[in-house]
Every structure is written in structure tokens, then in C-alpha cells.
Amino acid sequence: MTNTADEQPTTRIRRFGLYRIAEHWLHAAVFCLLVVTGLAQKYHTYDISQWVVLRMGGIDAARLLHRVAGFLLILLFAQHIAVAVFGIVKRRWQVSMLIQVKDYQDVITNLKYYFGLKNHPAACDRYDYKQKFDYWGVLLSNAVMIATGVVLMFPIGTTKFLYGEIVPAANVIHTNQSLLIILVIAVWHIYNSIFSPEIFPFDTTILTGFISKERMLREHPLELERRERAERKAIKAASRVKSG
């Protein structure tokens, strides 16, 4: 979702506001708590899991922390959807995370570029296809984890409305999906945020909210062009007001 402030007059451009930065790191903290408490319960026979559970105050405390983190995840998920819908409907935000045909074309263009069949990579807008994969992977996984987690938290209440088989099915889905999202975050997201040669040793954008103009030109040229075009229009409009 688009959530930017004014551009900086020098070589840095505001890419994320404080709200998006706080939301990201809150989500990261909740994710880490869910991973630690969840894996410690799933692999409870391992020494490291038992050590973690004991440090948390026992299995009951670990379960409580896992459920509290799950509740926080529900709140984060709900507010993210609410803010997105409000921004699109009321404030006319650009639907920048929507997957489009161009994203598939960009994949092909970049593959050709990597194999030396093109002399330039794909020109991307505010978010490229890799970032969209990150976003939708996490968002949809959160929806699955929340739904199955609620079933496991309230199994008796769930079976009043659904067949009893939904509880063991939710357990299998919850466990396997959690391992999948951990792999996605650990391998895909962390690589693109830390170890990718283009941003190593760390992408500071989600810390400071700013991105260099050089990176914008390389990674998001279409957004940069749109920003500069809007800036030129604003300057012309201001000049006409002054001259009038």
C-alpha cells in the first residue's frame, strides 16, 4: 500500500512513514515470539526446546505466550487490512501490491538479463515482483495460521458448528504452514533484506524510512519517474500562483 511522505531535496527519498516502520517491526517481534514458542512445543523432546520452555516458566507459560502472540497477530492482521481498505477507498491510495501481468513480464525480463540476453533489468514500480511475493506469502500465511490457530484454541466451540475432523486437520495445516512460512522468511526475505549483493550488509530503508535516489533509479525507476513528474507539476503550479 502506498504510504509515503515528501521527498527529500538531496539524494535521499522518503519511502516509508513511521507507521509502516512500526508495523513492520511489531510484526517481526510477534513472528519471532510465535516461532520460538511454537517450535519449542512442536519439538519438545529436544534439549534446546526443553531449555527454552524452562526459561519461559514451563509449558503452560509457553502455551500462554504463544496464544498471546497469536492474538497480537490477529490485531496486526486486522488493522493492516482495515488501513489498506480505508486508504484505497477513502484516500485513493494506489493499489501498489496488486499482482499484475507486468510482474510476470518482469520475471521473464530479469531472467533474460541474468543470462545475458538483455542489457538491462526490468523497470519496476513501487514494489517489484519479489517484494510482492514476500507480501502475499506472509499475508496469506497469516490468514491460514490465524484461522487454524483459532480452531486449535477453541476446539470444542469449533465442533459445535463444524465437523470434528476439522480439529486434527487444522493441527496438521497449522504445523506445516508454520514451517513453510519460517523457511520463506529465513531464506527468501532475510536474503533479500540482508545478504543480497545489491544491499549488503543491510537494507536500512525499513529502519530509517529513507532510500537513496541511486537505489530508487536502479530498483524502482517507474516510481521515481512518477514522483519527479509530480514534483515538476507542483513547482509549475506554485510558480503560476506566485506570478498570478
C-alpha atoms as a PDB file:
ATOM      1  CA  MET A   1       0.000   0.000   0.000  1.00  0.00           C
ATOM      2  CA  THR A   2       1.232   3.481  -0.711  1.00  0.00           C
ATOM      3  CA  ASN A   3       2.272   5.280   2.451  1.00  0.00           C
ATOM      4  CA  THR A   4       4.939   7.858   1.720  1.00  0.00           C
ATOM      5  CA  ALA A   5       5.870  11.360   2.755  1.00  0.00           C
ATOM      6  CA  ASP A   6       7.528  14.163   0.832  1.00  0.00           C
ATOM      7  CA  GLU A   7      10.777  13.505  -0.950  1.00  0.00           C
ATOM      8  CA  GLN A   8      13.998  14.807   0.480  1.00  0.00           C
ATOM      9  CA  PRO A   9      15.660  17.576  -1.565  1.00  0.00           C
ATOM     10  CA  THR A  10      19.030  15.796  -1.706  1.00  0.00           C
ATOM     11  CA  THR A  11      19.940  12.214  -2.501  1.00  0.00           C
ATOM     12  CA  ARG A  12      17.546  10.511  -0.077  1.00  0.00           C
ATOM     13  CA  ILE A  13      13.882   9.838  -0.681  1.00  0.00           C
ATOM     14  CA  ARG A  14      11.248   9.093   1.927  1.00  0.00           C
ATOM     15  CA  ARG A  15       9.895   5.621   1.147  1.00  0.00           C
ATOM     16  CA  PHE A  16       8.120   4.553   4.349  1.00  0.00           C
ATOM     17  CA  GLY A  17       6.449   6.554   7.075  1.00  0.00           C
ATOM     18  CA  LEU A  18       6.794   5.894  10.804  1.00  0.00           C
ATOM     19  CA  TYR A  19       3.522   3.956  10.816  1.00  0.00           C
ATOM     20  CA  ARG A  20       4.752   1.378   8.306  1.00  0.00           C
ATOM     21  CA  ILE A  21       8.124   1.078  10.058  1.00  0.00           C
ATOM     22  CA  ALA A  22       6.469   0.448  13.432  1.00  0.00           C
ATOM     23  CA  GLU A  23       4.027  -2.020  11.882  1.00  0.00           C
ATOM     24  CA  HIS A  24       6.858  -3.987  10.265  1.00  0.00           C
ATOM     25  CA  TRP A  25       8.913  -4.318  13.438  1.00  0.00           C
ATOM     26  CA  LEU A  26       5.898  -5.158  15.589  1.00  0.00           C
ATOM     27  CA  HIS A  27       5.034  -7.899  13.138  1.00  0.00           C
ATOM     28  CA  ALA A  28       8.650  -9.126  13.203  1.00  0.00           C
ATOM     29  CA  ALA A  29       8.649  -9.251  17.019  1.00  0.00           C
ATOM     30  CA  VAL A  30       5.339 -11.163  17.137  1.00  0.00           C
ATOM     31  CA  PHE A  31       6.593 -13.531  14.434  1.00  0.00           C
ATOM     32  CA  CYS A  32       9.755 -14.318  16.405  1.00  0.00           C
ATOM     33  CA  LEU A  33       7.756 -14.972  19.586  1.00  0.00           C
ATOM     34  CA  LEU A  34       5.398 -17.296  17.710  1.00  0.00           C
ATOM     35  CA  VAL A  35       8.321 -19.172  16.153  1.00  0.00           C
ATOM     36  CA  VAL A  36      10.164 -19.664  19.434  1.00  0.00           C
ATOM     37  CA  THR A  37       7.121 -20.716  21.456  1.00  0.00           C
ATOM     38  CA  GLY A  38       5.669 -22.814  18.634  1.00  0.00           C
ATOM     39  CA  LEU A  39       8.811 -24.739  17.742  1.00  0.00           C
ATOM     40  CA  ALA A  40       9.580 -25.354  21.405  1.00  0.00           C
ATOM     41  CA  GLN A  41       6.212 -27.093  21.743  1.00  0.00           C
ATOM     42  CA  LYS A  42       6.374 -28.987  18.464  1.00  0.00           C
ATOM     43  CA  TYR A  43       9.883 -30.345  19.099  1.00  0.00           C
ATOM     44  CA  HIS A  44       9.514 -30.678  22.844  1.00  0.00           C
ATOM     45  CA  THR A  45      11.786 -33.743  23.073  1.00  0.00           C
ATOM     46  CA  TYR A  46      14.881 -31.768  22.045  1.00  0.00           C
ATOM     47  CA  ASP A  47      17.167 -30.386  24.712  1.00  0.00           C
ATOM     48  CA  ILE A  48      17.080 -26.876  23.260  1.00  0.00           C
ATOM     49  CA  SER A  49      13.261 -26.899  23.303  1.00  0.00           C
ATOM     50  CA  GLN A  50      13.184 -28.003  26.916  1.00  0.00           C
ATOM     51  CA  TRP A  51      15.714 -25.311  27.803  1.00  0.00           C
ATOM     52  CA  VAL A  52      13.542 -22.659  26.089  1.00  0.00           C
ATOM     53  CA  VAL A  53      10.359 -23.885  27.795  1.00  0.00           C
ATOM     54  CA  LEU A  54      12.015 -23.855  31.207  1.00  0.00           C
ATOM     55  CA  ARG A  55      13.304 -20.310  30.642  1.00  0.00           C
ATOM     56  CA  MET A  56       9.754 -19.247  29.817  1.00  0.00           C
ATOM     57  CA  GLY A  57       8.468 -20.683  33.098  1.00  0.00           C
ATOM     58  CA  GLY A  58       7.173 -24.047  31.956  1.00  0.00           C
ATOM     59  CA  ILE A  59       4.950 -25.476  29.250  1.00  0.00           C
ATOM     60  CA  ASP A  60       1.829 -23.649  30.454  1.00  0.00           C
ATOM     61  CA  ALA A  61       3.649 -20.329  30.255  1.00  0.00           C
ATOM     62  CA  ALA A  62       4.979 -21.188  26.787  1.00  0.00           C
ATOM     63  CA  ARG A  63       1.459 -22.009  25.588  1.00  0.00           C
ATOM     64  CA  LEU A  64       0.111 -18.794  27.097  1.00  0.00           C
ATOM     65  CA  LEU A  65       2.820 -16.725  25.384  1.00  0.00           C
ATOM     66  CA  HIS A  66       2.077 -18.467  22.091  1.00  0.00           C
ATOM     67  CA  ARG A  67      -1.609 -17.636  22.379  1.00  0.00           C
ATOM     68  CA  VAL A  68      -0.934 -14.027  23.389  1.00  0.00           C
ATOM     69  CA  ALA A  69       1.349 -13.670  20.363  1.00  0.00           C
ATOM     70  CA  GLY A  70      -1.373 -15.234  18.218  1.00  0.00           C
ATOM     71  CA  PHE A  71      -3.892 -12.693  19.499  1.00  0.00           C
ATOM     72  CA  LEU A  72      -1.456  -9.861  18.706  1.00  0.00           C
ATOM     73  CA  LEU A  73      -1.038 -11.299  15.211  1.00  0.00           C
ATOM     74  CA  ILE A  74      -4.815 -11.171  14.749  1.00  0.00           C
ATOM     75  CA  LEU A  75      -4.828  -7.497  15.771  1.00  0.00           C
ATOM     76  CA  LEU A  76      -1.949  -6.663  13.419  1.00  0.00           C
ATOM     77  CA  PHE A  77      -3.601  -8.538  10.564  1.00  0.00           C
ATOM     78  CA  ALA A  78      -6.986  -6.864  11.138  1.00  0.00           C
ATOM     79  CA  GLN A  79      -5.573  -3.340  11.354  1.00  0.00           C
ATOM     80  CA  HIS A  80      -3.447  -3.884   8.246  1.00  0.00           C
ATOM     81  CA  ILE A  81      -6.484  -4.922   6.209  1.00  0.00           C
ATOM     82  CA  ALA A  82      -8.603  -2.107   7.667  1.00  0.00           C
ATOM     83  CA  VAL A  83      -5.990   0.569   6.947  1.00  0.00           C
ATOM     84  CA  ALA A  84      -5.460  -0.776   3.429  1.00  0.00           C
ATOM     85  CA  VAL A  85      -9.179  -0.761   2.616  1.00  0.00           C
ATOM     86  CA  PHE A  86      -9.636   2.715   4.113  1.00  0.00           C
ATOM     87  CA  GLY A  87      -6.642   4.081   2.216  1.00  0.00           C
ATOM     88  CA  ILE A  88      -7.776   2.661  -1.109  1.00  0.00           C
ATOM     89  CA  VAL A  89     -11.431   3.664  -0.762  1.00  0.00           C
ATOM     90  CA  LYS A  90     -11.210   6.990   1.052  1.00  0.00           C
ATOM     91  CA  ARG A  91      -7.750   8.320   0.292  1.00  0.00           C
ATOM     92  CA  ARG A  92      -7.390   6.862  -3.178  1.00  0.00           C
ATOM     93  CA  TRP A  93      -4.103   5.097  -2.461  1.00  0.00           C
ATOM     94  CA  GLN A  94      -2.535   3.309  -5.368  1.00  0.00           C
ATOM     95  CA  VAL A  95      -3.008  -0.469  -5.141  1.00  0.00           C
ATOM     96  CA  SER A  96       0.729  -0.971  -5.460  1.00  0.00           C
ATOM     97  CA  MET A  97       0.847  -4.532  -4.070  1.00  0.00           C
ATOM     98  CA  LEU A  98      -1.645  -5.945  -6.563  1.00  0.00           C
ATOM     99  CA  ILE A  99      -0.053  -8.614  -8.769  1.00  0.00           C
ATOM    100  CA  GLN A 100      -0.303  -7.614 -12.419  1.00  0.00           C
ATOM    101  CA  VAL A 101       0.622  -9.048 -15.799  1.00  0.00           C
ATOM    102  CA  LYS A 102       3.676  -6.788 -15.805  1.00  0.00           C
ATOM    103  CA  ASP A 103       5.092  -8.668 -12.808  1.00  0.00           C
ATOM    104  CA  TYR A 104       5.222 -11.881 -14.843  1.00  0.00           C
ATOM    105  CA  GLN A 105       6.759  -9.952 -17.712  1.00  0.00           C
ATOM    106  CA  ASP A 106       9.362  -8.533 -15.316  1.00  0.00           C
ATOM    107  CA  VAL A 107      10.297 -12.053 -14.214  1.00  0.00           C
ATOM    108  CA  ILE A 108      10.963 -13.028 -17.837  1.00  0.00           C
ATOM    109  CA  THR A 109      12.842  -9.783 -18.488  1.00  0.00           C
ATOM    110  CA  ASN A 110      15.105 -10.312 -15.476  1.00  0.00           C
ATOM    111  CA  LEU A 111      15.767 -13.938 -16.387  1.00  0.00           C
ATOM    112  CA  LYS A 112      16.884 -12.781 -19.817  1.00  0.00           C
ATOM    113  CA  TYR A 113      19.020 -10.105 -18.167  1.00  0.00           C
ATOM    114  CA  TYR A 114      20.671 -12.627 -15.827  1.00  0.00           C
ATOM    115  CA  PHE A 115      21.509 -14.894 -18.765  1.00  0.00           C
ATOM    116  CA  GLY A 116      22.920 -12.013 -20.804  1.00  0.00           C
ATOM    117  CA  LEU A 117      20.054 -11.897 -23.296  1.00  0.00           C
ATOM    118  CA  LYS A 118      19.137  -8.332 -22.305  1.00  0.00           C
ATOM    119  CA  ASN A 119      21.369  -5.430 -21.378  1.00  0.00           C
ATOM    120  CA  HIS A 120      19.110  -4.034 -18.642  1.00  0.00           C
ATOM    121  CA  PRO A 121      16.870  -5.444 -15.881  1.00  0.00           C
ATOM    122  CA  ALA A 122      13.130  -4.901 -15.652  1.00  0.00           C
ATOM    123  CA  ALA A 123      11.942  -1.382 -14.825  1.00  0.00           C
ATOM    124  CA  CYS A 124       9.836  -1.786 -11.682  1.00  0.00           C
ATOM    125  CA  ASP A 125       7.378   0.476  -9.920  1.00  0.00           C
ATOM    126  CA  ARG A 126       6.973   0.951  -6.147  1.00  0.00           C
ATOM    127  CA  TYR A 127       7.232  -2.795  -5.465  1.00  0.00           C
ATOM    128  CA  ASP A 128       8.822  -5.416  -7.691  1.00  0.00           C
ATOM    129  CA  TYR A 129       7.628  -8.982  -8.095  1.00  0.00           C
ATOM    130  CA  LYS A 130       9.962 -10.302  -5.372  1.00  0.00           C
ATOM    131  CA  GLN A 131       8.559  -7.889  -2.814  1.00  0.00           C
ATOM    132  CA  LYS A 132       5.021  -8.798  -3.848  1.00  0.00           C
ATOM    133  CA  PHE A 133       5.855 -12.486  -3.378  1.00  0.00           C
ATOM    134  CA  ASP A 134       7.075 -11.634   0.112  1.00  0.00           C
ATOM    135  CA  TYR A 135       3.973  -9.632   0.908  1.00  0.00           C
ATOM    136  CA  TRP A 136       1.324 -12.041  -0.342  1.00  0.00           C
ATOM    137  CA  GLY A 137       3.178 -15.055   1.021  1.00  0.00           C
ATOM    138  CA  VAL A 138       3.205 -13.569   4.515  1.00  0.00           C
ATOM    139  CA  LEU A 139      -0.319 -12.119   4.312  1.00  0.00           C
ATOM    140  CA  LEU A 140      -1.979 -15.331   3.114  1.00  0.00           C
ATOM    141  CA  SER A 141       0.084 -17.446   5.510  1.00  0.00           C
ATOM    142  CA  ASN A 142      -1.042 -15.218   8.364  1.00  0.00           C
ATOM    143  CA  ALA A 143      -4.661 -15.776   7.339  1.00  0.00           C
ATOM    144  CA  VAL A 144      -4.148 -19.562   7.358  1.00  0.00           C
ATOM    145  CA  MET A 145      -2.264 -19.520  10.661  1.00  0.00           C
ATOM    146  CA  ILE A 146      -4.900 -17.337  12.326  1.00  0.00           C
ATOM    147  CA  ALA A 147      -7.809 -19.489  11.110  1.00  0.00           C
ATOM    148  CA  THR A 148      -6.212 -22.795  12.142  1.00  0.00           C
ATOM    149  CA  GLY A 149      -4.895 -21.305  15.381  1.00  0.00           C
ATOM    150  CA  VAL A 150      -8.389 -20.200  16.412  1.00  0.00           C
ATOM    151  CA  VAL A 151      -9.691 -23.722  15.714  1.00  0.00           C
ATOM    152  CA  LEU A 152      -6.950 -25.236  17.888  1.00  0.00           C
ATOM    153  CA  MET A 153      -7.532 -22.683  20.634  1.00  0.00           C
ATOM    154  CA  PHE A 154     -11.284 -23.336  20.729  1.00  0.00           C
ATOM    155  CA  PRO A 155     -11.719 -26.949  19.543  1.00  0.00           C
ATOM    156  CA  ILE A 156     -14.959 -27.617  21.416  1.00  0.00           C
ATOM    157  CA  GLY A 157     -16.611 -24.423  20.265  1.00  0.00           C
ATOM    158  CA  THR A 158     -15.488 -25.102  16.684  1.00  0.00           C
ATOM    159  CA  THR A 159     -17.024 -28.577  16.601  1.00  0.00           C
ATOM    160  CA  LYS A 160     -20.399 -27.072  17.507  1.00  0.00           C
ATOM    161  CA  PHE A 161     -20.506 -25.591  14.015  1.00  0.00           C
ATOM    162  CA  LEU A 162     -18.122 -27.787  12.005  1.00  0.00           C
ATOM    163  CA  TYR A 163     -17.288 -31.494  11.768  1.00  0.00           C
ATOM    164  CA  GLY A 164     -14.882 -32.842  14.372  1.00  0.00           C
ATOM    165  CA  GLU A 165     -12.329 -33.721  11.700  1.00  0.00           C
ATOM    166  CA  ILE A 166     -11.600 -30.009  11.338  1.00  0.00           C
ATOM    167  CA  VAL A 167      -9.545 -30.025  14.555  1.00  0.00           C
ATOM    168  CA  PRO A 168      -6.855 -32.595  13.554  1.00  0.00           C
ATOM    169  CA  ALA A 169      -6.867 -31.122  10.036  1.00  0.00           C
ATOM    170  CA  ALA A 170      -6.223 -27.656  11.490  1.00  0.00           C
ATOM    171  CA  ASN A 171      -3.388 -29.086  13.583  1.00  0.00           C
ATOM    172  CA  VAL A 172      -1.662 -30.552  10.513  1.00  0.00           C
ATOM    173  CA  ILE A 173      -2.163 -27.384   8.465  1.00  0.00           C
ATOM    174  CA  HIS A 174      -1.050 -25.104  11.299  1.00  0.00           C
ATOM    175  CA  THR A 175       2.148 -27.079  11.865  1.00  0.00           C
ATOM    176  CA  ASN A 176       3.137 -27.484   8.221  1.00  0.00           C
ATOM    177  CA  GLN A 177       2.239 -23.931   7.258  1.00  0.00           C
ATOM    178  CA  SER A 178       4.303 -22.584  10.130  1.00  0.00           C
ATOM    179  CA  LEU A 179       7.370 -24.460   8.895  1.00  0.00           C
ATOM    180  CA  LEU A 180       6.743 -23.180   5.365  1.00  0.00           C
ATOM    181  CA  ILE A 181       6.488 -19.538   6.399  1.00  0.00           C
ATOM    182  CA  ILE A 182       9.603 -19.867   8.577  1.00  0.00           C
ATOM    183  CA  LEU A 183      11.515 -21.129   5.536  1.00  0.00           C
ATOM    184  CA  VAL A 184      10.121 -18.332   3.358  1.00  0.00           C
ATOM    185  CA  ILE A 185      11.134 -15.667   5.874  1.00  0.00           C
ATOM    186  CA  ALA A 186      14.510 -17.237   6.684  1.00  0.00           C
ATOM    187  CA  VAL A 187      15.557 -17.984   3.108  1.00  0.00           C
ATOM    188  CA  TRP A 188      13.758 -15.519   0.857  1.00  0.00           C
ATOM    189  CA  HIS A 189      13.019 -12.426   2.917  1.00  0.00           C
ATOM    190  CA  ILE A 190      16.181 -12.342   5.000  1.00  0.00           C
ATOM    191  CA  TYR A 191      18.341 -12.930   1.934  1.00  0.00           C
ATOM    192  CA  ASN A 192      16.698 -10.058   0.062  1.00  0.00           C
ATOM    193  CA  SER A 193      16.909  -7.797   3.121  1.00  0.00           C
ATOM    194  CA  ILE A 194      20.446  -8.591   4.265  1.00  0.00           C
ATOM    195  CA  PHE A 195      22.565 -10.846   2.082  1.00  0.00           C
ATOM    196  CA  SER A 196      21.611  -9.703  -1.395  1.00  0.00           C
ATOM    197  CA  PRO A 197      24.740  -8.187  -3.019  1.00  0.00           C
ATOM    198  CA  GLU A 198      22.745  -5.109  -4.008  1.00  0.00           C
ATOM    199  CA  ILE A 199      22.025  -4.071  -0.395  1.00  0.00           C
ATOM    200  CA  PHE A 200      24.558  -5.973   1.772  1.00  0.00           C
ATOM    201  CA  PRO A 201      25.202  -5.691   4.712  1.00  0.00           C
ATOM    202  CA  PHE A 202      21.660  -4.496   5.469  1.00  0.00           C
ATOM    203  CA  ASP A 203      18.735  -2.720   3.857  1.00  0.00           C
ATOM    204  CA  THR A 204      18.283   0.253   6.184  1.00  0.00           C
ATOM    205  CA  THR A 205      15.137   1.507   4.443  1.00  0.00           C
ATOM    206  CA  ILE A 206      12.804  -0.213   6.911  1.00  0.00           C
ATOM    207  CA  LEU A 207      14.791   1.330   9.788  1.00  0.00           C
ATOM    208  CA  THR A 208      15.093   4.923   8.615  1.00  0.00           C
ATOM    209  CA  GLY A 209      12.251   5.097   6.105  1.00  0.00           C
ATOM    210  CA  PHE A 210      14.606   6.563   3.501  1.00  0.00           C
ATOM    211  CA  ILE A 211      16.104   5.110   0.333  1.00  0.00           C
ATOM    212  CA  SER A 212      18.896   6.577  -1.769  1.00  0.00           C
ATOM    213  CA  LYS A 213      17.964   8.129  -5.089  1.00  0.00           C
ATOM    214  CA  GLU A 214      20.553   5.885  -6.758  1.00  0.00           C
ATOM    215  CA  ARG A 215      18.749   2.785  -5.460  1.00  0.00           C
ATOM    216  CA  MET A 216      15.394   4.195  -6.491  1.00  0.00           C
ATOM    217  CA  LEU A 217      16.707   4.744 -10.000  1.00  0.00           C
ATOM    218  CA  ARG A 218      18.048   1.186 -10.119  1.00  0.00           C
ATOM    219  CA  GLU A 219      15.254  -0.705  -8.383  1.00  0.00           C
ATOM    220  CA  HIS A 220      12.114   1.435  -8.759  1.00  0.00           C
ATOM    221  CA  PRO A 221      12.643   3.723 -11.772  1.00  0.00           C
ATOM    222  CA  LEU A 222       8.938   3.950 -12.621  1.00  0.00           C
ATOM    223  CA  GLU A 223       8.058   5.229  -9.160  1.00  0.00           C
ATOM    224  CA  LEU A 224      10.939   7.694  -9.243  1.00  0.00           C
ATOM    225  CA  GLU A 225       9.788   8.994 -12.628  1.00  0.00           C
ATOM    226  CA  ARG A 226       6.245   9.444 -11.320  1.00  0.00           C
ATOM    227  CA  ARG A 227       7.492  11.248  -8.215  1.00  0.00           C
ATOM    228  CA  GLU A 228       9.690  13.618 -10.216  1.00  0.00           C
ATOM    229  CA  ARG A 229       6.872  14.309 -12.668  1.00  0.00           C
ATOM    230  CA  ALA A 230       4.532  15.170  -9.795  1.00  0.00           C
ATOM    231  CA  GLU A 231       7.205  17.386  -8.257  1.00  0.00           C
ATOM    232  CA  ARG A 232       7.681  19.291 -11.512  1.00  0.00           C
ATOM    233  CA  LYS A 233       3.915  19.820 -11.774  1.00  0.00           C
ATOM    234  CA  ALA A 234       3.802  21.096  -8.188  1.00  0.00           C
ATOM    235  CA  ILE A 235       6.659  23.526  -8.861  1.00  0.00           C
ATOM    236  CA  LYS A 236       4.944  24.813 -12.028  1.00  0.00           C
ATOM    237  CA  ALA A 237       1.653  25.231 -10.164  1.00  0.00           C
ATOM    238  CA  ALA A 238       3.394  27.131  -7.362  1.00  0.00           C
ATOM    239  CA  SER A 239       5.112  29.366  -9.925  1.00  0.00           C
ATOM    240  CA  ARG A 240       1.812  30.183 -11.609  1.00  0.00           C
ATOM    241  CA  VAL A 241       0.275  31.094  -8.239  1.00  0.00           C
ATOM    242  CA  LYS A 242       3.176  33.415  -7.419  1.00  0.00           C
ATOM    243  CA  SER A 243       3.154  35.047 -10.837  1.00  0.00           C
ATOM    244  CA  GLY A 244      -0.611  35.489 -10.679  1.00  0.00           C
END
